[in-house]
Amino acid sequence: MENALLLIFITTFLAELGDKTQLTTIAFASKYGLKTAFLGAILGLAAVNLIGAVIGQELGNLLPVSLIRKGAGILFITFGVLMLLGKL
């Protein structure tokens, strides 16, 4: 459990560095201040991640983990190609 929690924390932390959510939080902090922007960002990210965790748990109950990993990989590659082509 400790190793899984650390892995999830590090992976999420690195994935979120410099993304549009962080840039948006910077913009909000400049207008509304540190505390308001931080609390709003935490609540927004918590809600989105709760939805993802619920969906992930349900998918994990229905599908094999290997299929979920392959599907996630295909989605990441698809979004990356679309971004490179300027479609996203």
PDB file of N, CA and C in Angstrom:
ATOM      1  N   MET A   1       0.830  -1.201   0.000  1.00  0.00           N
ATOM      2  CA  MET A   1       0.000   0.000   0.000  1.00  0.00           C
ATOM      3  C   MET A   1       0.870   1.258   0.000  1.00  0.00           C
ATOM      4  N   GLU A   2       1.915   1.289   0.862  1.00  0.00           N
ATOM      5  CA  GLU A   2       2.783   2.467   0.894  1.00  0.00           C
ATOM      6  C   GLU A   2       3.457   2.694  -0.450  1.00  0.00           C
ATOM      7  N   ASN A   3       3.976   1.624  -1.043  1.00  0.00           N
ATOM      8  CA  ASN A   3       4.654   1.750  -2.335  1.00  0.00           C
ATOM      9  C   ASN A   3       3.694   2.213  -3.416  1.00  0.00           C
ATOM     10  N   ALA A   4       2.467   1.692  -3.412  1.00  0.00           N
ATOM     11  CA  ALA A   4       1.476   2.091  -4.412  1.00  0.00           C
ATOM     12  C   ALA A   4       1.121   3.561  -4.247  1.00  0.00           C
ATOM     13  N   LEU A   5       0.935   3.995  -3.001  1.00  0.00           N
ATOM     14  CA  LEU A   5       0.588   5.393  -2.742  1.00  0.00           C
ATOM     15  C   LEU A   5       1.703   6.325  -3.196  1.00  0.00           C
ATOM     16  N   LEU A   6       2.939   5.958  -2.893  1.00  0.00           N
ATOM     17  CA  LEU A   6       4.086   6.770  -3.318  1.00  0.00           C
ATOM     18  C   LEU A   6       4.195   6.809  -4.840  1.00  0.00           C
ATOM     19  N   LEU A   7       4.019   5.661  -5.491  1.00  0.00           N
ATOM     20  CA  LEU A   7       4.064   5.598  -6.949  1.00  0.00           C
ATOM     21  C   LEU A   7       2.989   6.493  -7.574  1.00  0.00           C
ATOM     22  N   ILE A   8       1.771   6.419  -7.050  1.00  0.00           N
ATOM     23  CA  ILE A   8       0.674   7.242  -7.577  1.00  0.00           C
ATOM     24  C   ILE A   8       0.966   8.720  -7.356  1.00  0.00           C
ATOM     25  N   PHE A   9       1.472   9.070  -6.160  1.00  0.00           N
ATOM     26  CA  PHE A   9       1.802  10.468  -5.869  1.00  0.00           C
ATOM     27  C   PHE A   9       2.856  10.995  -6.832  1.00  0.00           C
ATOM     28  N   ILE A  10       3.964  10.274  -6.980  1.00  0.00           N
ATOM     29  CA  ILE A  10       5.062  10.728  -7.838  1.00  0.00           C
ATOM     30  C   ILE A  10       4.619  10.831  -9.294  1.00  0.00           C
ATOM     31  N   THR A  11       3.897   9.826  -9.774  1.00  0.00           N
ATOM     32  CA  THR A  11       3.448   9.832 -11.164  1.00  0.00           C
ATOM     33  C   THR A  11       2.506  11.001 -11.426  1.00  0.00           C
ATOM     34  N   THR A  12       1.553  11.211 -10.523  1.00  0.00           N
ATOM     35  CA  THR A  12       0.604  12.313 -10.693  1.00  0.00           C
ATOM     36  C   THR A  12       1.315  13.653 -10.583  1.00  0.00           C
ATOM     37  N   PHE A  13       2.208  13.779  -9.608  1.00  0.00           N
ATOM     38  CA  PHE A  13       2.949  15.025  -9.423  1.00  0.00           C
ATOM     39  C   PHE A  13       3.726  15.395 -10.681  1.00  0.00           C
ATOM     40  N   LEU A  14       4.466  14.445 -11.216  1.00  0.00           N
ATOM     41  CA  LEU A  14       5.270  14.714 -12.413  1.00  0.00           C
ATOM     42  C   LEU A  14       4.393  14.993 -13.634  1.00  0.00           C
ATOM     43  N   ALA A  15       3.270  14.274 -13.749  1.00  0.00           N
ATOM     44  CA  ALA A  15       2.383  14.471 -14.897  1.00  0.00           C
ATOM     45  C   ALA A  15       1.725  15.847 -14.871  1.00  0.00           C
ATOM     46  N   GLU A  16       1.501  16.375 -13.677  1.00  0.00           N
ATOM     47  CA  GLU A  16       0.789  17.650 -13.550  1.00  0.00           C
ATOM     48  C   GLU A  16       1.710  18.869 -13.603  1.00  0.00           C
ATOM     49  N   LEU A  17       3.016  18.666 -13.456  1.00  0.00           N
ATOM     50  CA  LEU A  17       3.933  19.812 -13.483  1.00  0.00           C
ATOM     51  C   LEU A  17       3.859  20.526 -14.829  1.00  0.00           C
ATOM     52  N   GLY A  18       3.604  21.809 -14.793  1.00  0.00           N
ATOM     53  CA  GLY A  18       3.613  22.611 -16.005  1.00  0.00           C
ATOM     54  C   GLY A  18       2.440  22.383 -16.936  1.00  0.00           C
ATOM     55  N   ASP A  19       1.417  21.673 -16.489  1.00  0.00           N
ATOM     56  CA  ASP A  19       0.277  21.452 -17.377  1.00  0.00           C
ATOM     57  C   ASP A  19      -0.689  22.636 -17.288  1.00  0.00           C
ATOM     58  N   LYS A  20      -1.751  22.564 -18.053  1.00  0.00           N
ATOM     59  CA  LYS A  20      -2.676  23.689 -18.114  1.00  0.00           C
ATOM     60  C   LYS A  20      -3.368  23.951 -16.776  1.00  0.00           C
ATOM     61  N   THR A  21      -3.535  22.916 -15.941  1.00  0.00           N
ATOM     62  CA  THR A  21      -4.130  23.123 -14.626  1.00  0.00           C
ATOM     63  C   THR A  21      -3.222  23.977 -13.759  1.00  0.00           C
ATOM     64  N   GLN A  22      -1.932  23.691 -13.785  1.00  0.00           N
ATOM     65  CA  GLN A  22      -1.003  24.485 -12.990  1.00  0.00           C
ATOM     66  C   GLN A  22      -0.941  25.925 -13.500  1.00  0.00           C
ATOM     67  N   LEU A  23      -0.933  26.092 -14.806  1.00  0.00           N
ATOM     68  CA  LEU A  23      -0.907  27.452 -15.373  1.00  0.00           C
ATOM     69  C   LEU A  23      -2.185  28.216 -15.035  1.00  0.00           C
ATOM     70  N   THR A  24      -3.307  27.528 -15.037  1.00  0.00           N
ATOM     71  CA  THR A  24      -4.574  28.155 -14.666  1.00  0.00           C
ATOM     72  C   THR A  24      -4.550  28.565 -13.197  1.00  0.00           C
ATOM     73  N   THR A  25      -4.000  27.708 -12.342  1.00  0.00           N
ATOM     74  CA  THR A  25      -3.907  28.030 -10.923  1.00  0.00           C
ATOM     75  C   THR A  25      -3.011  29.249 -10.705  1.00  0.00           C
ATOM     76  N   ILE A  26      -1.941  29.346 -11.459  1.00  0.00           N
ATOM     77  CA  ILE A  26      -1.075  30.521 -11.374  1.00  0.00           C
ATOM     78  C   ILE A  26      -1.864  31.781 -11.722  1.00  0.00           C
ATOM     79  N   ALA A  27      -2.637  31.709 -12.785  1.00  0.00           N
ATOM     80  CA  ALA A  27      -3.433  32.867 -13.204  1.00  0.00           C
ATOM     81  C   ALA A  27      -4.464  33.238 -12.139  1.00  0.00           C
ATOM     82  N   PHE A  28      -5.147  32.231 -11.588  1.00  0.00           N
ATOM     83  CA  PHE A  28      -6.136  32.513 -10.538  1.00  0.00           C
ATOM     84  C   PHE A  28      -5.477  33.085  -9.288  1.00  0.00           C
ATOM     85  N   ALA A  29      -4.303  32.571  -8.930  1.00  0.00           N
ATOM     86  CA  ALA A  29      -3.600  33.073  -7.748  1.00  0.00           C
ATOM     87  C   ALA A  29      -3.214  34.540  -7.911  1.00  0.00           C
ATOM     88  N   SER A  30      -2.874  34.929  -9.129  1.00  0.00           N
ATOM     89  CA  SER A  30      -2.508  36.328  -9.352  1.00  0.00           C
ATOM     90  C   SER A  30      -3.708  37.251  -9.191  1.00  0.00           C
ATOM     91  N   LYS A  31      -4.897  36.711  -9.413  1.00  0.00           N
ATOM     92  CA  LYS A  31      -6.109  37.537  -9.298  1.00  0.00           C
ATOM     93  C   LYS A  31      -6.786  37.401  -7.934  1.00  0.00           C
ATOM     94  N   TYR A  32      -6.869  36.150  -7.410  1.00  0.00           N
ATOM     95  CA  TYR A  32      -7.645  35.903  -6.195  1.00  0.00           C
ATOM     96  C   TYR A  32      -6.806  35.589  -4.969  1.00  0.00           C
ATOM     97  N   GLY A  33      -5.507  35.428  -5.145  1.00  0.00           N
ATOM     98  CA  GLY A  33      -4.630  35.146  -4.018  1.00  0.00           C
ATOM     99  C   GLY A  33      -4.345  33.663  -3.857  1.00  0.00           C
ATOM    100  N   LEU A  34      -3.289  33.396  -3.111  1.00  0.00           N
ATOM    101  CA  LEU A  34      -2.785  32.045  -2.912  1.00  0.00           C
ATOM    102  C   LEU A  34      -3.828  31.106  -2.312  1.00  0.00           C
ATOM    103  N   LYS A  35      -4.436  31.501  -1.193  1.00  0.00           N
ATOM    104  CA  LYS A  35      -5.338  30.595  -0.472  1.00  0.00           C
ATOM    105  C   LYS A  35      -6.555  30.215  -1.307  1.00  0.00           C
ATOM    106  N   THR A  36      -7.179  31.185  -1.936  1.00  0.00           N
ATOM    107  CA  THR A  36      -8.376  30.910  -2.740  1.00  0.00           C
ATOM    108  C   THR A  36      -8.046  30.047  -3.946  1.00  0.00           C
ATOM    109  N   ALA A  37      -6.960  30.375  -4.636  1.00  0.00           N
ATOM    110  CA  ALA A  37      -6.574  29.598  -5.817  1.00  0.00           C
ATOM    111  C   ALA A  37      -6.188  28.176  -5.426  1.00  0.00           C
ATOM    112  N   PHE A  38      -5.435  28.033  -4.335  1.00  0.00           N
ATOM    113  CA  PHE A  38      -4.998  26.713  -3.884  1.00  0.00           C
ATOM    114  C   PHE A  38      -6.192  25.850  -3.472  1.00  0.00           C
ATOM    115  N   LEU A  39      -7.089  26.410  -2.687  1.00  0.00           N
ATOM    116  CA  LEU A  39      -8.258  25.657  -2.240  1.00  0.00           C
ATOM    117  C   LEU A  39      -9.151  25.278  -3.424  1.00  0.00           C
ATOM    118  N   GLY A  40      -9.383  26.210  -4.326  1.00  0.00           N
ATOM    119  CA  GLY A  40     -10.193  25.914  -5.510  1.00  0.00           C
ATOM    120  C   GLY A  40      -9.571  24.841  -6.379  1.00  0.00           C
ATOM    121  N   ALA A  41      -8.245  24.910  -6.567  1.00  0.00           N
ATOM    122  CA  ALA A  41      -7.550  23.912  -7.382  1.00  0.00           C
ATOM    123  C   ALA A  41      -7.604  22.540  -6.708  1.00  0.00           C
ATOM    124  N   ILE A  42      -7.404  22.497  -5.400  1.00  0.00           N
ATOM    125  CA  ILE A  42      -7.467  21.218  -4.680  1.00  0.00           C
ATOM    126  C   ILE A  42      -8.852  20.597  -4.811  1.00  0.00           C
ATOM    127  N   LEU A  43      -9.894  21.395  -4.598  1.00  0.00           N
ATOM    128  CA  LEU A  43     -11.257  20.865  -4.684  1.00  0.00           C
ATOM    129  C   LEU A  43     -11.589  20.391  -6.098  1.00  0.00           C
ATOM    130  N   GLY A  44     -11.179  21.162  -7.096  1.00  0.00           N
ATOM    131  CA  GLY A  44     -11.439  20.767  -8.481  1.00  0.00           C
ATOM    132  C   GLY A  44     -10.711  19.483  -8.853  1.00  0.00           C
ATOM    133  N   LEU A  45      -9.424  19.405  -8.514  1.00  0.00           N
ATOM    134  CA  LEU A  45      -8.653  18.201  -8.819  1.00  0.00           C
ATOM    135  C   LEU A  45      -9.156  16.994  -8.029  1.00  0.00           C
ATOM    136  N   ALA A  46      -9.548  17.231  -6.774  1.00  0.00           N
ATOM    137  CA  ALA A  46     -10.075  16.124  -5.964  1.00  0.00           C
ATOM    138  C   ALA A  46     -11.351  15.565  -6.586  1.00  0.00           C
ATOM    139  N   ALA A  47     -12.236  16.443  -7.053  1.00  0.00           N
ATOM    140  CA  ALA A  47     -13.491  15.985  -7.663  1.00  0.00           C
ATOM    141  C   ALA A  47     -13.225  15.179  -8.931  1.00  0.00           C
ATOM    142  N   VAL A  48     -12.342  15.684  -9.786  1.00  0.00           N
ATOM    143  CA  VAL A  48     -12.013  14.982 -11.031  1.00  0.00           C
ATOM    144  C   VAL A  48     -11.356  13.634 -10.730  1.00  0.00           C
ATOM    145  N   ASN A  49     -10.440  13.613  -9.764  1.00  0.00           N
ATOM    146  CA  ASN A  49      -9.758  12.368  -9.426  1.00  0.00           C
ATOM    147  C   ASN A  49     -10.676  11.370  -8.729  1.00  0.00           C
ATOM    148  N   LEU A  50     -11.650  11.859  -7.968  1.00  0.00           N
ATOM    149  CA  LEU A  50     -12.637  10.963  -7.365  1.00  0.00           C
ATOM    150  C   LEU A  50     -13.436  10.257  -8.455  1.00  0.00           C
ATOM    151  N   ILE A  51     -13.863  11.018  -9.459  1.00  0.00           N
ATOM    152  CA  ILE A  51     -14.590  10.425 -10.582  1.00  0.00           C
ATOM    153  C   ILE A  51     -13.724   9.374 -11.277  1.00  0.00           C
ATOM    154  N   GLY A  52     -12.449   9.715 -11.516  1.00  0.00           N
ATOM    155  CA  GLY A  52     -11.536   8.775 -12.151  1.00  0.00           C
ATOM    156  C   GLY A  52     -11.322   7.516 -11.327  1.00  0.00           C
ATOM    157  N   ALA A  53     -11.207   7.671 -10.007  1.00  0.00           N
ATOM    158  CA  ALA A  53     -11.001   6.514  -9.139  1.00  0.00           C
ATOM    159  C   ALA A  53     -12.228   5.605  -9.121  1.00  0.00           C
ATOM    160  N   VAL A  54     -13.412   6.196  -9.084  1.00  0.00           N
ATOM    161  CA  VAL A  54     -14.648   5.405  -9.093  1.00  0.00           C
ATOM    162  C   VAL A  54     -14.766   4.639 -10.408  1.00  0.00           C
ATOM    163  N   ILE A  55     -14.544   5.339 -11.520  1.00  0.00           N
ATOM    164  CA  ILE A  55     -14.612   4.679 -12.833  1.00  0.00           C
ATOM    165  C   ILE A  55     -13.539   3.599 -12.939  1.00  0.00           C
ATOM    166  N   GLY A  56     -12.323   3.901 -12.470  1.00  0.00           N
ATOM    167  CA  GLY A  56     -11.241   2.927 -12.517  1.00  0.00           C
ATOM    168  C   GLY A  56     -11.540   1.679 -11.706  1.00  0.00           C
ATOM    169  N   GLN A  57     -12.111   1.865 -10.525  1.00  0.00           N
ATOM    170  CA  GLN A  57     -12.460   0.706  -9.699  1.00  0.00           C
ATOM    171  C   GLN A  57     -13.509  -0.152 -10.388  1.00  0.00           C
ATOM    172  N   GLU A  58     -14.515   0.492 -10.971  1.00  0.00           N
ATOM    173  CA  GLU A  58     -15.569  -0.255 -11.664  1.00  0.00           C
ATOM    174  C   GLU A  58     -15.016  -0.976 -12.890  1.00  0.00           C
ATOM    175  N   LEU A  59     -14.155  -0.292 -13.649  1.00  0.00           N
ATOM    176  CA  LEU A  59     -13.525  -0.950 -14.799  1.00  0.00           C
ATOM    177  C   LEU A  59     -12.667  -2.122 -14.354  1.00  0.00           C
ATOM    178  N   GLY A  60     -11.977  -1.939 -13.218  1.00  0.00           N
ATOM    179  CA  GLY A  60     -11.147  -3.007 -12.685  1.00  0.00           C
ATOM    180  C   GLY A  60     -11.955  -4.229 -12.279  1.00  0.00           C
ATOM    181  N   ASN A  61     -13.195  -4.002 -11.890  1.00  0.00           N
ATOM    182  CA  ASN A  61     -14.082  -5.117 -11.536  1.00  0.00           C
ATOM    183  C   ASN A  61     -14.634  -5.820 -12.772  1.00  0.00           C
ATOM    184  N   LEU A  62     -14.690  -5.102 -13.894  1.00  0.00           N
ATOM    185  CA  LEU A  62     -15.299  -5.648 -15.110  1.00  0.00           C
ATOM    186  C   LEU A  62     -14.295  -6.199 -16.117  1.00  0.00           C
ATOM    187  N   LEU A  63     -13.098  -5.585 -16.158  1.00  0.00           N
ATOM    188  CA  LEU A  63     -12.127  -5.921 -17.205  1.00  0.00           C
ATOM    189  C   LEU A  63     -10.790  -6.318 -16.588  1.00  0.00           C
ATOM    190  N   PRO A  64     -10.005  -7.108 -17.307  1.00  0.00           N
ATOM    191  CA  PRO A  64      -8.658  -7.428 -16.823  1.00  0.00           C
ATOM    192  C   PRO A  64      -7.757  -6.190 -16.850  1.00  0.00           C
ATOM    193  N   VAL A  65      -6.855  -6.102 -15.871  1.00  0.00           N
ATOM    194  CA  VAL A  65      -5.964  -4.946 -15.755  1.00  0.00           C
ATOM    195  C   VAL A  65      -5.128  -4.766 -17.024  1.00  0.00           C
ATOM    196  N   SER A  66      -4.699  -5.854 -17.639  1.00  0.00           N
ATOM    197  CA  SER A  66      -3.875  -5.740 -18.852  1.00  0.00           C
ATOM    198  C   SER A  66      -4.642  -5.029 -19.968  1.00  0.00           C
ATOM    199  N   LEU A  67      -5.929  -5.285 -20.089  1.00  0.00           N
ATOM    200  CA  LEU A  67      -6.743  -4.621 -21.105  1.00  0.00           C
ATOM    201  C   LEU A  67      -6.905  -3.134 -20.788  1.00  0.00           C
ATOM    202  N   ILE A  68      -7.085  -2.804 -19.515  1.00  0.00           N
ATOM    203  CA  ILE A  68      -7.209  -1.398 -19.100  1.00  0.00           C
ATOM    204  C   ILE A  68      -5.914  -0.648 -19.397  1.00  0.00           C
ATOM    205  N   ARG A  69      -4.771  -1.265 -19.105  1.00  0.00           N
ATOM    206  CA  ARG A  69      -3.470  -0.632 -19.383  1.00  0.00           C
ATOM    207  C   ARG A  69      -3.276  -0.404 -20.874  1.00  0.00           C
ATOM    208  N   LYS A  70      -3.621  -1.392 -21.673  1.00  0.00           N
ATOM    209  CA  LYS A  70      -3.490  -1.239 -23.127  1.00  0.00           C
ATOM    210  C   LYS A  70      -4.416  -0.146 -23.640  1.00  0.00           C
ATOM    211  N   GLY A  71      -5.631  -0.108 -23.140  1.00  0.00           N
ATOM    212  CA  GLY A  71      -6.580   0.935 -23.539  1.00  0.00           C
ATOM    213  C   GLY A  71      -6.084   2.321 -23.160  1.00  0.00           C
ATOM    214  N   ALA A  72      -5.539   2.445 -21.949  1.00  0.00           N
ATOM    215  CA  ALA A  72      -5.001   3.736 -21.508  1.00  0.00           C
ATOM    216  C   ALA A  72      -3.823   4.150 -22.383  1.00  0.00           C
ATOM    217  N   GLY A  73      -2.963   3.193 -22.717  1.00  0.00           N
ATOM    218  CA  GLY A  73      -1.823   3.486 -23.586  1.00  0.00           C
ATOM    219  C   GLY A  73      -2.260   3.960 -24.962  1.00  0.00           C
ATOM    220  N   ILE A  74      -3.260   3.305 -25.498  1.00  0.00           N
ATOM    221  CA  ILE A  74      -3.791   3.701 -26.817  1.00  0.00           C
ATOM    222  C   ILE A  74      -4.379   5.111 -26.751  1.00  0.00           C
ATOM    223  N   LEU A  75      -5.104   5.420 -25.664  1.00  0.00           N
ATOM    224  CA  LEU A  75      -5.672   6.764 -25.528  1.00  0.00           C
ATOM    225  C   LEU A  75      -4.579   7.825 -25.420  1.00  0.00           C
ATOM    226  N   PHE A  76      -3.530   7.568 -24.624  1.00  0.00           N
ATOM    227  CA  PHE A  76      -2.435   8.529 -24.500  1.00  0.00           C
ATOM    228  C   PHE A  76      -1.764   8.760 -25.850  1.00  0.00           C
ATOM    229  N   ILE A  77      -1.496   7.693 -26.574  1.00  0.00           N
ATOM    230  CA  ILE A  77      -0.865   7.828 -27.891  1.00  0.00           C
ATOM    231  C   ILE A  77      -1.777   8.598 -28.843  1.00  0.00           C
ATOM    232  N   THR A  78      -3.065   8.270 -28.836  1.00  0.00           N
ATOM    233  CA  THR A  78      -4.027   8.952 -29.706  1.00  0.00           C
ATOM    234  C   THR A  78      -4.064  10.444 -29.413  1.00  0.00           C
ATOM    235  N   PHE A  79      -4.162  10.809 -28.112  1.00  0.00           N
ATOM    236  CA  PHE A  79      -4.191  12.232 -27.753  1.00  0.00           C
ATOM    237  C   PHE A  79      -2.878  12.913 -28.122  1.00  0.00           C
ATOM    238  N   GLY A  80      -1.753  12.222 -27.944  1.00  0.00           N
ATOM    239  CA  GLY A  80      -0.466  12.799 -28.317  1.00  0.00           C
ATOM    240  C   GLY A  80      -0.361  13.071 -29.802  1.00  0.00           C
ATOM    241  N   VAL A  81      -0.794  12.127 -30.615  1.00  0.00           N
ATOM    242  CA  VAL A  81      -0.772  12.312 -32.068  1.00  0.00           C
ATOM    243  C   VAL A  81      -1.707  13.454 -32.462  1.00  0.00           C
ATOM    244  N   LEU A  82      -2.889  13.497 -31.875  1.00  0.00           N
ATOM    245  CA  LEU A  82      -3.829  14.583 -32.195  1.00  0.00           C
ATOM    246  C   LEU A  82      -3.264  15.944 -31.798  1.00  0.00           C
ATOM    247  N   MET A  83      -2.556  15.991 -30.672  1.00  0.00           N
ATOM    248  CA  MET A  83      -1.930  17.254 -30.264  1.00  0.00           C
ATOM    249  C   MET A  83      -0.824  17.657 -31.231  1.00  0.00           C
ATOM    250  N   LEU A  84      -0.019  16.680 -31.651  1.00  0.00           N
ATOM    251  CA  LEU A  84       1.036  16.964 -32.615  1.00  0.00           C
ATOM    252  C   LEU A  84       0.483  17.484 -33.938  1.00  0.00           C
ATOM    253  N   LEU A  85      -0.674  16.964 -34.335  1.00  0.00           N
ATOM    254  CA  LEU A  85      -1.298  17.373 -35.582  1.00  0.00           C
ATOM    255  C   LEU A  85      -2.125  18.656 -35.448  1.00  0.00           C
ATOM    256  N   GLY A  86      -2.186  19.179 -34.221  1.00  0.00           N
ATOM    257  CA  GLY A  86      -2.930  20.405 -33.992  1.00  0.00           C
ATOM    258  C   GLY A  86      -4.433  20.224 -33.962  1.00  0.00           C
ATOM    259  N   LYS A  87      -4.879  18.997 -33.724  1.00  0.00           N
ATOM    260  CA  LYS A  87      -6.314  18.712 -33.695  1.00  0.00           C
ATOM    261  C   LYS A  87      -6.905  18.900 -32.305  1.00  0.00           C
ATOM    262  N   LEU A  88      -6.059  19.022 -31.283  1.00  0.00           N
ATOM    263  CA  LEU A  88      -6.532  19.265 -29.912  1.00  0.00           C
ATOM    264  C   LEU A  88      -5.981  20.554 -29.379  1.00  0.00           C
TER     265      LEU A  88
END
